[in-house]
Amino acid sequence: MTFTENSIQIFNRAIADYHVTNSVDTPIQNPYPEGTIENRLYLKNWIDTVQWHYEDIIRDPNIDPAEALVLKRKIDKSNQDRTDLVEQIDDWFLTKYKDVSIAENATINTETPAWAIDRLSILQLKIYHMKEEATREDATPEHREKCRQKLNVLLVQNEDLSSAIEALIQDIAAGRKYMKVYKQMKMYNDPSTNPILYKK
């Protein structure tokens, strides 16, 4: 099984586990051992899945403004946790390939493996929910057909993105590409760089 096949299997397990209750308040029960890449991938998708539903909830035009502010804070924290997980996954790749001899003409990719895997995780959520819409019994036939067409595009994108990630991993393993991890520099989260915070 390739890395992306394994990742997709884990992502879909997390999505299925979440939808048993379909509640953003459901506590995570990560089935994979601490310290494994599988554990990190499951947690990554769980965060993405909960945030997907946060984003649905906050778009309710009748949401109470106070509740919306609380939810906005949760979304901010979720984004921070998501970025942290991406960096942890990239650290795993850096450790795995630390002894690879890098070719003299090796190039760097526009994104790291983990950021591409981040997109793969979110893509599984798009596929899951587009399937729901394509088969929703209370929707019009036109709506279902439009969603089926979108689903077909997402499935092709899933194949293409998986192939691209596998090619990148193989290039890193062979020394044809190398990777760097630029640690996050989110200035608005830092009281020393956000002027609204440090001027108080």
Protein backbone atom coordinates (compact mmCIF):
# COMPACT_ATOMS: atom_id res chain seq x y z
CA MET A 1 0.00 0.00 0.00
CA THR A 2 1.36 3.43 -0.91
CA PHE A 3 1.61 6.29 1.56
CA THR A 4 -1.33 8.09 -0.04
CA GLU A 5 -3.48 4.94 -0.13
CA ASN A 6 -2.81 4.43 3.56
CA SER A 7 -3.52 8.12 4.26
CA ILE A 8 -6.84 8.06 2.39
CA GLN A 9 -7.89 4.92 4.27
CA ILE A 10 -7.09 6.63 7.60
CA PHE A 11 -8.81 9.87 6.57
CA ASN A 12 -11.96 8.02 5.57
CA ARG A 13 -11.96 6.13 8.86
CA ALA A 14 -11.80 9.43 10.76
CA ILE A 15 -14.64 10.86 8.64
CA ALA A 16 -16.78 7.77 9.24
CA ASP A 17 -16.02 7.82 12.97
CA TYR A 18 -17.03 11.48 13.22
CA HIS A 19 -20.31 10.93 11.39
CA VAL A 20 -21.42 8.25 13.84
CA THR A 21 -22.59 11.16 16.02
CA ASN A 22 -22.13 14.00 13.50
CA SER A 23 -21.45 16.42 16.35
CA VAL A 24 -18.58 18.89 16.70
CA ASP A 25 -18.55 18.11 20.43
CA THR A 26 -17.75 14.42 19.93
CA PRO A 27 -14.46 13.59 21.69
CA ILE A 28 -11.82 12.05 19.45
CA GLN A 29 -10.98 8.39 20.00
CA ASN A 30 -7.84 7.96 17.94
CA PRO A 31 -7.43 4.23 17.23
CA TYR A 32 -3.75 4.45 16.28
CA PRO A 33 -0.85 4.31 18.78
CA GLU A 34 0.80 7.53 19.92
CA GLY A 35 4.07 8.23 18.14
CA THR A 36 2.97 6.70 14.82
CA ILE A 37 2.39 8.56 11.58
CA GLU A 38 -1.04 6.91 11.43
CA ASN A 39 -1.97 8.59 14.71
CA ARG A 40 -0.97 11.99 13.31
CA LEU A 41 -2.87 11.43 10.05
CA TYR A 42 -6.04 10.41 11.90
CA LEU A 43 -5.80 13.45 14.19
CA LYS A 44 -5.14 15.69 11.19
CA ASN A 45 -8.31 14.59 9.43
CA TRP A 46 -10.37 14.68 12.63
CA ILE A 47 -9.41 18.34 13.05
CA ASP A 48 -10.30 19.01 9.40
CA THR A 49 -13.64 17.22 9.79
CA VAL A 50 -14.66 19.12 12.92
CA GLN A 51 -13.62 22.39 11.30
CA TRP A 52 -15.63 21.54 8.17
CA HIS A 53 -18.73 21.43 10.37
CA TYR A 54 -17.74 24.55 12.32
CA GLU A 55 -17.65 26.35 8.97
CA ASP A 56 -21.17 25.10 8.18
CA ILE A 57 -22.53 26.21 11.54
CA ILE A 58 -21.04 29.71 11.47
CA ARG A 59 -22.75 30.41 8.13
CA ASP A 60 -26.20 30.10 9.71
CA PRO A 61 -27.72 33.56 9.03
CA ASN A 62 -29.64 33.30 12.30
CA ILE A 63 -26.69 32.42 14.51
CA ASP A 64 -26.51 34.36 17.75
CA PRO A 65 -23.61 36.88 17.49
CA ALA A 66 -22.19 35.79 20.85
CA GLU A 67 -22.24 32.15 19.75
CA ALA A 68 -20.63 33.14 16.45
CA LEU A 69 -17.75 34.82 18.31
CA VAL A 70 -17.19 31.70 20.43
CA LEU A 71 -17.24 29.60 17.27
CA LYS A 72 -14.80 31.97 15.52
CA ARG A 73 -12.35 31.42 18.39
CA LYS A 74 -12.76 27.65 17.98
CA ILE A 75 -12.07 27.95 14.25
CA ASP A 76 -8.93 30.00 14.99
CA LYS A 77 -7.70 27.33 17.40
CA SER A 78 -8.56 24.60 14.89
CA ASN A 79 -6.51 26.36 12.21
CA GLN A 80 -3.56 26.58 14.59
CA ASP A 81 -3.87 22.89 15.50
CA ARG A 82 -4.09 22.00 11.81
CA THR A 83 -0.90 23.90 11.01
CA ASP A 84 0.86 22.28 13.98
CA LEU A 85 -0.12 18.83 12.67
CA VAL A 86 1.15 19.61 9.17
CA GLU A 87 4.52 20.55 10.64
CA GLN A 88 4.61 17.34 12.70
CA ILE A 89 3.93 15.27 9.58
CA ASP A 90 6.68 17.12 7.70
CA ASP A 91 9.04 16.49 10.61
CA TRP A 92 8.26 12.78 10.18
CA PHE A 93 9.27 12.97 6.51
CA LEU A 94 12.44 14.90 7.37
CA THR A 95 13.43 12.23 9.88
CA LYS A 96 12.55 9.39 7.52
CA TYR A 97 14.71 10.75 4.69
CA LYS A 98 17.44 12.49 6.72
CA ASP A 99 20.16 10.13 5.47
CA VAL A 100 19.30 10.43 1.77
CA SER A 101 22.13 11.70 -0.38
CA ILE A 102 20.79 14.77 -2.18
CA ALA A 103 21.72 15.02 -5.85
CA GLU A 104 23.73 18.03 -6.98
CA ASN A 105 20.93 19.11 -9.32
CA ALA A 106 18.13 18.39 -6.81
CA THR A 107 15.32 20.93 -6.69
CA ILE A 108 12.87 22.01 -4.01
CA ASN A 109 9.13 21.57 -4.44
CA THR A 110 6.61 24.41 -4.19
CA GLU A 111 5.06 22.70 -1.16
CA THR A 112 6.16 20.09 1.33
CA PRO A 113 4.69 16.57 1.38
CA ALA A 114 2.59 17.36 4.46
CA TRP A 115 0.96 20.43 2.91
CA ALA A 116 0.00 18.30 -0.09
CA ILE A 117 -1.35 15.66 2.31
CA ASP A 118 -3.31 18.45 4.03
CA ARG A 119 -5.06 19.05 0.71
CA LEU A 120 -5.62 15.30 0.32
CA SER A 121 -7.29 15.17 3.74
CA ILE A 122 -9.67 18.01 2.91
CA LEU A 123 -10.35 16.46 -0.49
CA GLN A 124 -11.71 13.33 1.24
CA LEU A 125 -14.17 15.56 3.09
CA LYS A 126 -15.26 17.19 -0.17
CA ILE A 127 -15.82 13.75 -1.72
CA TYR A 128 -17.77 12.49 1.30
CA HIS A 129 -20.10 15.48 1.43
CA MET A 130 -20.51 15.75 -2.34
CA LYS A 131 -21.58 12.08 -2.37
CA GLU A 132 -24.18 12.98 0.25
CA GLU A 133 -25.49 15.80 -1.92
CA ALA A 134 -25.48 13.66 -5.07
CA THR A 135 -27.78 11.14 -3.36
CA ARG A 136 -29.87 13.45 -1.17
CA GLU A 137 -33.46 12.31 -1.53
CA ASP A 138 -35.03 15.67 -0.65
CA ALA A 139 -32.98 17.50 -3.31
CA THR A 140 -34.12 18.13 -6.88
CA PRO A 141 -32.89 15.86 -9.68
CA GLU A 142 -31.04 18.86 -11.11
CA HIS A 143 -29.21 19.40 -7.82
CA ARG A 144 -28.25 15.74 -7.57
CA GLU A 145 -26.99 15.67 -11.16
CA LYS A 146 -24.93 18.83 -10.68
CA CYS A 147 -23.39 17.30 -7.55
CA ARG A 148 -22.67 14.02 -9.38
CA GLN A 149 -20.74 15.96 -12.00
CA LYS A 150 -18.78 17.78 -9.29
CA LEU A 151 -18.13 14.46 -7.55
CA ASN A 152 -16.63 13.03 -10.74
CA VAL A 153 -14.21 15.98 -10.90
CA LEU A 154 -13.26 15.49 -7.24
CA LEU A 155 -12.56 11.79 -7.84
CA VAL A 156 -10.23 12.63 -10.74
CA GLN A 157 -8.56 15.27 -8.58
CA ASN A 158 -8.11 12.61 -5.89
CA GLU A 159 -6.25 10.36 -8.33
CA ASP A 160 -4.11 13.21 -9.67
CA LEU A 161 -3.19 14.58 -6.25
CA SER A 162 -2.37 11.10 -4.94
CA SER A 163 -0.09 10.46 -7.94
CA ALA A 164 1.64 13.81 -7.51
CA ILE A 165 2.25 13.19 -3.79
CA GLU A 166 3.65 9.72 -4.49
CA ALA A 167 5.97 11.16 -7.14
CA LEU A 168 7.18 13.82 -4.72
CA ILE A 169 7.86 11.26 -1.98
CA GLN A 170 9.75 9.05 -4.45
CA ASP A 171 11.82 12.04 -5.61
CA ILE A 172 12.70 12.95 -2.02
CA ALA A 173 13.60 9.31 -1.24
CA ALA A 174 15.87 9.24 -4.32
CA GLY A 175 17.49 12.62 -3.60
CA ARG A 176 16.08 14.24 -6.74
CA LYS A 177 14.15 16.71 -4.57
CA TYR A 178 14.80 18.00 -1.09
CA MET A 179 12.51 19.56 1.45
CA LYS A 180 12.63 22.32 4.03
CA VAL A 181 10.08 23.09 6.73
CA TYR A 182 9.50 26.78 7.24
CA LYS A 183 7.96 26.94 10.69
CA GLN A 184 4.75 28.93 10.91
CA MET A 185 5.02 32.66 11.36
CA LYS A 186 1.41 33.60 12.03
CA MET A 187 1.87 37.14 13.28
CA TYR A 188 -1.72 37.66 14.42
CA ASN A 189 -1.44 34.80 16.94
CA ASP A 190 1.67 36.30 18.54
CA PRO A 191 1.12 39.03 21.17
CA SER A 192 4.54 40.47 20.26
CA THR A 193 3.76 40.94 16.53
CA ASN A 194 0.01 41.68 16.47
CA PRO A 195 -0.32 45.49 17.01
CA ILE A 196 -3.86 45.12 18.37
CA LEU A 197 -2.44 42.95 21.16
CA TYR A 198 0.89 44.62 21.92
CA LYS A 199 -0.52 48.17 21.95
CA LYS A 200 -2.92 47.29 24.77
